PDB file of all heavy atoms in Angstrom:
ATOM      1  N   ARG A   1       0.832  -1.213   0.001  1.00  0.00           N
ATOM      2  CA  ARG A   1       0.009  -0.002   0.003  1.00  0.00           C
ATOM      3  C   ARG A   1       0.865   1.260   0.011  1.00  0.00           C
ATOM      4  O   ARG A   1       0.563   2.247  -0.678  1.00  0.00           O
ATOM      5  CB  ARG A   1      -0.935   0.015   1.205  1.00  0.00           C
ATOM      6  CG  ARG A   1      -2.037  -1.011   1.118  1.00  0.00           C
ATOM      7  CD  ARG A   1      -2.859  -1.117   2.401  1.00  0.00           C
ATOM      8  NE  ARG A   1      -3.858  -2.124   2.197  1.00  0.00           N
ATOM      9  CZ  ARG A   1      -5.075  -1.929   1.684  1.00  0.00           C
ATOM     10  NH1 ARG A   1      -5.416  -0.720   1.338  1.00  0.00           N
ATOM     11  NH2 ARG A   1      -5.919  -2.925   1.549  1.00  0.00           N
ATOM     12  N   TYR A   2       1.936   1.265   0.770  1.00  0.00           N
ATOM     13  CA  TYR A   2       2.780   2.428   0.879  1.00  0.00           C
ATOM     14  C   TYR A   2       3.653   2.696  -0.351  1.00  0.00           C
ATOM     15  O   TYR A   2       4.013   3.815  -0.629  1.00  0.00           O
ATOM     16  CB  TYR A   2       3.739   2.256   2.078  1.00  0.00           C
ATOM     17  CG  TYR A   2       3.261   2.976   3.331  1.00  0.00           C
ATOM     18  CD1 TYR A   2       2.776   2.264   4.419  1.00  0.00           C
ATOM     19  CD2 TYR A   2       3.386   4.352   3.451  1.00  0.00           C
ATOM     20  CE1 TYR A   2       2.380   2.919   5.557  1.00  0.00           C
ATOM     21  CE2 TYR A   2       2.986   5.024   4.598  1.00  0.00           C
ATOM     22  CZ  TYR A   2       2.470   4.308   5.644  1.00  0.00           C
ATOM     23  OH  TYR A   2       2.089   4.961   6.806  1.00  0.00           O
ATOM     24  N   TYR A   3       3.984   1.655  -1.085  1.00  0.00           N
ATOM     25  CA  TYR A   3       4.916   1.774  -2.194  1.00  0.00           C
ATOM     26  C   TYR A   3       4.506   2.883  -3.138  1.00  0.00           C
ATOM     27  O   TYR A   3       3.338   3.009  -3.498  1.00  0.00           O
ATOM     28  CB  TYR A   3       4.965   0.450  -2.983  1.00  0.00           C
ATOM     29  CG  TYR A   3       6.102   0.389  -3.974  1.00  0.00           C
ATOM     30  CD1 TYR A   3       7.362  -0.022  -3.605  1.00  0.00           C
ATOM     31  CD2 TYR A   3       5.865   0.752  -5.314  1.00  0.00           C
ATOM     32  CE1 TYR A   3       8.399  -0.037  -4.545  1.00  0.00           C
ATOM     33  CE2 TYR A   3       6.911   0.717  -6.248  1.00  0.00           C
ATOM     34  CZ  TYR A   3       8.177   0.310  -5.850  1.00  0.00           C
ATOM     35  OH  TYR A   3       9.182   0.286  -6.739  1.00  0.00           O
ATOM     36  N   PRO A   4       5.441   3.804  -3.486  1.00  0.00           N
ATOM     37  CA  PRO A   4       6.894   3.752  -3.272  1.00  0.00           C
ATOM     38  C   PRO A   4       7.377   4.514  -2.034  1.00  0.00           C
ATOM     39  O   PRO A   4       8.533   4.913  -1.966  1.00  0.00           O
ATOM     40  CB  PRO A   4       7.395   4.475  -4.529  1.00  0.00           C
ATOM     41  CG  PRO A   4       6.390   5.593  -4.716  1.00  0.00           C
ATOM     42  CD  PRO A   4       5.064   4.952  -4.333  1.00  0.00           C
ATOM     43  N   VAL A   5       6.491   4.651  -1.066  1.00  0.00           N
ATOM     44  CA  VAL A   5       6.885   5.284   0.185  1.00  0.00           C
ATOM     45  C   VAL A   5       7.173   4.182   1.218  1.00  0.00           C
ATOM     46  O   VAL A   5       6.505   3.138   1.218  1.00  0.00           O
ATOM     47  CB  VAL A   5       5.737   6.200   0.718  1.00  0.00           C
ATOM     48  CG1 VAL A   5       6.093   6.820   2.062  1.00  0.00           C
ATOM     49  CG2 VAL A   5       5.439   7.306  -0.321  1.00  0.00           C
ATOM     50  N   ALA A   6       8.159   4.396   2.034  1.00  0.00           N
ATOM     51  CA  ALA A   6       8.483   3.460   3.090  1.00  0.00           C
ATOM     52  C   ALA A   6       8.209   4.144   4.443  1.00  0.00           C
ATOM     53  O   ALA A   6       8.578   5.309   4.646  1.00  0.00           O
ATOM     54  CB  ALA A   6       9.940   3.042   3.043  1.00  0.00           C
ATOM     55  N   LEU A   7       7.530   3.458   5.344  1.00  0.00           N
ATOM     56  CA  LEU A   7       7.246   3.988   6.679  1.00  0.00           C
ATOM     57  C   LEU A   7       8.439   3.788   7.561  1.00  0.00           C
ATOM     58  O   LEU A   7       8.999   2.719   7.648  1.00  0.00           O
ATOM     59  CB  LEU A   7       6.006   3.252   7.249  1.00  0.00           C
ATOM     60  CG  LEU A   7       5.666   3.561   8.704  1.00  0.00           C
ATOM     61  CD1 LEU A   7       5.223   5.019   8.854  1.00  0.00           C
ATOM     62  CD2 LEU A   7       4.546   2.623   9.190  1.00  0.00           C
ATOM     63  N   LEU A   8       8.809   4.835   8.283  1.00  0.00           N
ATOM     64  CA  LEU A   8       9.933   4.800   9.241  1.00  0.00           C
ATOM     65  C   LEU A   8       9.383   5.108  10.639  1.00  0.00           C
ATOM     66  O   LEU A   8       8.693   6.099  10.819  1.00  0.00           O
ATOM     67  CB  LEU A   8      10.993   5.800   8.877  1.00  0.00           C
ATOM     68  CG  LEU A   8      11.591   5.776   7.466  1.00  0.00           C
ATOM     69  CD1 LEU A   8      12.559   6.932   7.290  1.00  0.00           C
ATOM     70  CD2 LEU A   8      12.259   4.448   7.208  1.00  0.00           C
ATOM     71  N   ALA A   9       9.698   4.252  11.586  1.00  0.00           N
ATOM     72  CA  ALA A   9       9.329   4.511  12.992  1.00  0.00           C
ATOM     73  C   ALA A   9      10.602   4.912  13.700  1.00  0.00           C
ATOM     74  O   ALA A   9      11.495   4.097  13.913  1.00  0.00           O
ATOM     75  CB  ALA A   9       8.716   3.280  13.627  1.00  0.00           C
ATOM     76  N   LEU A  10      10.720   6.175  14.101  1.00  0.00           N
ATOM     77  CA  LEU A  10      11.927   6.698  14.688  1.00  0.00           C
ATOM     78  C   LEU A  10      11.624   7.218  16.085  1.00  0.00           C
ATOM     79  O   LEU A  10      10.627   7.871  16.344  1.00  0.00           O
ATOM     80  CB  LEU A  10      12.470   7.869  13.848  1.00  0.00           C
ATOM     81  CG  LEU A  10      12.706   7.577  12.349  1.00  0.00           C
ATOM     82  CD1 LEU A  10      13.120   8.865  11.633  1.00  0.00           C
ATOM     83  CD2 LEU A  10      13.791   6.510  12.196  1.00  0.00           C
ATOM     84  N   ARG A  11      12.509   6.892  17.013  1.00  0.00           N
ATOM     85  CA  ARG A  11      12.322   7.345  18.391  1.00  0.00           C
ATOM     86  C   ARG A  11      13.619   8.050  18.865  1.00  0.00           C
ATOM     87  O   ARG A  11      14.686   7.475  18.856  1.00  0.00           O
ATOM     88  CB  ARG A  11      12.017   6.193  19.341  1.00  0.00           C
ATOM     89  CG  ARG A  11      11.636   6.667  20.729  1.00  0.00           C
ATOM     90  CD  ARG A  11      11.128   5.554  21.615  1.00  0.00           C
ATOM     91  NE  ARG A  11      12.176   4.614  21.992  1.00  0.00           N
ATOM     92  CZ  ARG A  11      11.979   3.645  22.851  1.00  0.00           C
ATOM     93  NH1 ARG A  11      10.786   3.432  23.377  1.00  0.00           N
ATOM     94  NH2 ARG A  11      12.972   2.812  23.170  1.00  0.00           N
ATOM     95  N   GLU A  12      13.484   9.318  19.238  1.00  0.00           N
ATOM     96  CA  GLU A  12      14.600  10.049  19.710  1.00  0.00           C
ATOM     97  C   GLU A  12      15.013   9.591  21.091  1.00  0.00           C
ATOM     98  O   GLU A  12      14.178   9.123  21.880  1.00  0.00           O
ATOM     99  CB  GLU A  12      14.245  11.550  19.747  1.00  0.00           C
ATOM    100  CG  GLU A  12      13.981  12.163  18.374  1.00  0.00           C
ATOM    101  CD  GLU A  12      13.634  13.619  18.449  1.00  0.00           C
ATOM    102  OE1 GLU A  12      13.561  14.151  19.556  1.00  0.00           O
ATOM    103  OE2 GLU A  12      13.450  14.232  17.384  1.00  0.00           O
ATOM    104  N   LYS A  13      16.290   9.746  21.421  1.00  0.00           N
ATOM    105  CA  LYS A  13      16.796   9.331  22.711  1.00  0.00           C
ATOM    106  C   LYS A  13      16.104  10.054  23.803  1.00  0.00           C
ATOM    107  O   LYS A  13      15.952  11.276  23.799  1.00  0.00           O
ATOM    108  CB  LYS A  13      18.318   9.585  22.777  1.00  0.00           C
ATOM    109  CG  LYS A  13      18.973   9.039  24.022  1.00  0.00           C
ATOM    110  CD  LYS A  13      20.476   9.240  23.976  1.00  0.00           C
ATOM    111  CE  LYS A  13      21.121   8.645  25.242  1.00  0.00           C
ATOM    112  NZ  LYS A  13      22.599   8.829  25.196  1.00  0.00           N
ATOM    113  N   GLY A  14      15.586   9.319  24.792  1.00  0.00           N
ATOM    114  CA  GLY A  14      14.883   9.900  25.918  1.00  0.00           C
ATOM    115  C   GLY A  14      13.398  10.038  25.697  1.00  0.00           C
ATOM    116  O   GLY A  14      12.667  10.403  26.619  1.00  0.00           O
ATOM    117  N   SER A  15      12.914   9.758  24.464  1.00  0.00           N
ATOM    118  CA  SER A  15      11.508   9.884  24.174  1.00  0.00           C
ATOM    119  C   SER A  15      10.825   8.531  24.317  1.00  0.00           C
ATOM    120  O   SER A  15      11.398   7.495  23.968  1.00  0.00           O
ATOM    121  CB  SER A  15      11.284  10.408  22.761  1.00  0.00           C
ATOM    122  OG  SER A  15       9.915  10.394  22.417  1.00  0.00           O
ATOM    123  N   ALA A  16       9.602   8.528  24.857  1.00  0.00           N
ATOM    124  CA  ALA A  16       8.843   7.275  25.031  1.00  0.00           C
ATOM    125  C   ALA A  16       8.045   6.895  23.765  1.00  0.00           C
ATOM    126  O   ALA A  16       7.619   5.759  23.659  1.00  0.00           O
ATOM    127  CB  ALA A  16       7.936   7.401  26.235  1.00  0.00           C
ATOM    128  N   GLU A  17       7.842   7.863  22.899  1.00  0.00           N
ATOM    129  CA  GLU A  17       7.022   7.635  21.726  1.00  0.00           C
ATOM    130  C   GLU A  17       7.836   7.673  20.438  1.00  0.00           C
ATOM    131  O   GLU A  17       8.806   8.463  20.314  1.00  0.00           O
ATOM    132  CB  GLU A  17       5.880   8.679  21.651  1.00  0.00           C
ATOM    133  CG  GLU A  17       4.880   8.589  22.812  1.00  0.00           C
ATOM    134  CD  GLU A  17       4.115   7.292  22.821  1.00  0.00           C
ATOM    135  OE1 GLU A  17       3.856   6.766  21.728  1.00  0.00           O
ATOM    136  OE2 GLU A  17       3.782   6.820  23.931  1.00  0.00           O
ATOM    137  N   ALA A  18       7.425   6.865  19.479  1.00  0.00           N
ATOM    138  CA  ALA A  18       8.105   6.840  18.185  1.00  0.00           C
ATOM    139  C   ALA A  18       7.396   7.823  17.233  1.00  0.00           C
ATOM    140  O   ALA A  18       6.178   7.988  17.288  1.00  0.00           O
ATOM    141  CB  ALA A  18       8.083   5.452  17.601  1.00  0.00           C
ATOM    142  N   ARG A  19       8.174   8.490  16.412  1.00  0.00           N
ATOM    143  CA  ARG A  19       7.649   9.382  15.388  1.00  0.00           C
ATOM    144  C   ARG A  19       7.545   8.641  14.068  1.00  0.00           C
ATOM    145  O   ARG A  19       8.483   7.904  13.728  1.00  0.00           O
ATOM    146  CB  ARG A  19       8.547  10.634  15.233  1.00  0.00           C
ATOM    147  CG  ARG A  19       8.528  11.563  16.405  1.00  0.00           C
ATOM    148  CD  ARG A  19       9.367  12.821  16.114  1.00  0.00           C
ATOM    149  NE  ARG A  19      10.808  12.484  15.955  1.00  0.00           N
ATOM    150  CZ  ARG A  19      11.434  12.491  14.790  1.00  0.00           C
ATOM    151  NH1 ARG A  19      10.771  12.771  13.644  1.00  0.00           N
ATOM    152  NH2 ARG A  19      12.724  12.192  14.705  1.00  0.00           N
ATOM    153  N   GLU A  20       6.470   8.835  13.358  1.00  0.00           N
ATOM    154  CA  GLU A  20       6.311   8.216  12.084  1.00  0.00           C
ATOM    155  C   GLU A  20       6.771   9.183  10.987  1.00  0.00           C
ATOM    156  O   GLU A  20       6.203  10.257  10.816  1.00  0.00           O
ATOM    157  CB  GLU A  20       4.851   7.776  11.840  1.00  0.00           C
ATOM    158  CG  GLU A  20       4.437   6.668  12.775  1.00  0.00           C
ATOM    159  CD  GLU A  20       2.970   6.245  12.508  1.00  0.00           C
ATOM    160  OE1 GLU A  20       2.274   6.972  11.743  1.00  0.00           O
ATOM    161  OE2 GLU A  20       2.539   5.240  13.082  1.00  0.00           O
ATOM    162  N   GLN A  21       7.802   8.801  10.291  1.00  0.00           N
ATOM    163  CA  GLN A  21       8.287   9.562   9.139  1.00  0.00           C
ATOM    164  C   GLN A  21       8.416   8.617   7.980  1.00  0.00           C
ATOM    165  O   GLN A  21       8.107   7.424   8.064  1.00  0.00           O
ATOM    166  CB  GLN A  21       9.574  10.269   9.467  1.00  0.00           C
ATOM    167  CG  GLN A  21       9.368  11.412  10.495  1.00  0.00           C
ATOM    168  CD  GLN A  21      10.573  12.266  10.690  1.00  0.00           C
ATOM    169  OE1 GLN A  21      11.595  11.832  11.236  1.00  0.00           O
ATOM    170  NE2 GLN A  21      10.498  13.517  10.254  1.00  0.00           N
ATOM    171  N   PHE A  22       8.907   9.124   6.864  1.00  0.00           N
ATOM    172  CA  PHE A  22       8.845   8.318   5.639  1.00  0.00           C
ATOM    173  C   PHE A  22      10.097   8.446   4.813  1.00  0.00           C
ATOM    174  O   PHE A  22      10.931   9.337   5.054  1.00  0.00           O
ATOM    175  CB  PHE A  22       7.615   8.809   4.801  1.00  0.00           C
ATOM    176  CG  PHE A  22       6.370   8.913   5.616  1.00  0.00           C
ATOM    177  CD1 PHE A  22       5.978  10.163   6.138  1.00  0.00           C
ATOM    178  CD2 PHE A  22       5.588   7.793   5.881  1.00  0.00           C
ATOM    179  CE1 PHE A  22       4.824  10.269   6.910  1.00  0.00           C
ATOM    180  CE2 PHE A  22       4.439   7.913   6.668  1.00  0.00           C
ATOM    181  CZ  PHE A  22       4.068   9.114   7.189  1.00  0.00           C
ATOM    182  N   SER A  23      10.248   7.532   3.883  1.00  0.00           N
ATOM    183  CA  SER A  23      11.355   7.568   2.943  1.00  0.00           C
ATOM    184  C   SER A  23      10.780   7.173   1.602  1.00  0.00           C
ATOM    185  O   SER A  23       9.702   6.601   1.510  1.00  0.00           O
ATOM    186  CB  SER A  23      12.455   6.629   3.394  1.00  0.00           C
ATOM    187  OG  SER A  23      13.583   6.750   2.554  1.00  0.00           O
ATOM    188  N   LEU A  24      11.525   7.464   0.537  1.00  0.00           N
ATOM    189  CA  LEU A  24      11.032   7.155  -0.788  1.00  0.00           C
ATOM    190  C   LEU A  24      11.850   6.018  -1.421  1.00  0.00           C
ATOM    191  O   LEU A  24      13.067   6.005  -1.365  1.00  0.00           O
ATOM    192  CB  LEU A  24      11.170   8.414  -1.697  1.00  0.00           C
ATOM    193  CG  LEU A  24      10.389   8.415  -2.998  1.00  0.00           C
ATOM    194  CD1 LEU A  24       8.878   8.295  -2.703  1.00  0.00           C
ATOM    195  CD2 LEU A  24      10.675   9.677  -3.805  1.00  0.00           C
ATOM    196  N   VAL A  25      11.135   5.065  -1.967  1.00  0.00           N
ATOM    197  CA  VAL A  25      11.733   3.929  -2.660  1.00  0.00           C
ATOM    198  C   VAL A  25      11.819   4.238  -4.149  1.00  0.00           C
ATOM    199  O   VAL A  25      10.813   4.486  -4.798  1.00  0.00           O
ATOM    200  CB  VAL A  25      10.903   2.641  -2.450  1.00  0.00           C
ATOM    201  CG1 VAL A  25      11.564   1.479  -3.167  1.00  0.00           C
ATOM    202  CG2 VAL A  25      10.707   2.341  -0.957  1.00  0.00           C
ATOM    203  N   LYS A  26      13.034   4.259  -4.696  1.00  0.00           N
ATOM    204  CA  LYS A  26      13.208   4.495  -6.132  1.00  0.00           C
ATOM    205  C   LYS A  26      13.975   3.345  -6.732  1.00  0.00           C
ATOM    206  O   LYS A  26      15.177   3.227  -6.550  1.00  0.00           O
ATOM    207  CB  LYS A  26      13.959   5.826  -6.331  1.00  0.00           C
ATOM    208  CG  LYS A  26      13.064   7.068  -6.171  1.00  0.00           C
ATOM    209  CD  LYS A  26      13.736   8.322  -6.722  1.00  0.00           C
ATOM    210  CE  LYS A  26      12.762   9.476  -6.719  1.00  0.00           C
ATOM    211  NZ  LYS A  26      13.352  10.699  -7.328  1.00  0.00           N
ATOM    212  N   GLU A  27      13.263   2.504  -7.452  1.00  0.00           N
ATOM    213  CA  GLU A  27      13.864   1.346  -8.099  1.00  0.00           C
ATOM    214  C   GLU A  27      13.868   1.574  -9.619  1.00  0.00           C
ATOM    215  O   GLU A  27      12.968   2.177 -10.183  1.00  0.00           O
ATOM    216  CB  GLU A  27      13.089   0.095  -7.755  1.00  0.00           C
ATOM    217  CG  GLU A  27      13.114  -0.215  -6.243  1.00  0.00           C
ATOM    218  CD  GLU A  27      12.243  -1.409  -5.846  1.00  0.00           C
ATOM    219  OE1 GLU A  27      11.014  -1.337  -6.102  1.00  0.00           O
ATOM    220  OE2 GLU A  27      12.809  -2.395  -5.356  1.00  0.00           O
ATOM    221  N   PRO A  28      14.889   1.059 -10.285  1.00  0.00           N
ATOM    222  CA  PRO A  28      15.073   1.336 -11.721  1.00  0.00           C
ATOM    223  C   PRO A  28      13.858   0.915 -12.564  1.00  0.00           C
ATOM    224  O   PRO A  28      13.562   1.580 -13.587  1.00  0.00           O
ATOM    225  CB  PRO A  28      16.332   0.542 -12.110  1.00  0.00           C
ATOM    226  CG  PRO A  28      17.075   0.369 -10.830  1.00  0.00           C
ATOM    227  CD  PRO A  28      16.050   0.285  -9.738  1.00  0.00           C
TER     228      PRO A  28
END
């Protein structure tokens, strides 16, 4: 469903919650 976007779950040091950010998939 996300393609070509990739879901990233990132948590900063000291934080209890993860932030949802994204990346782009680029395939030839």
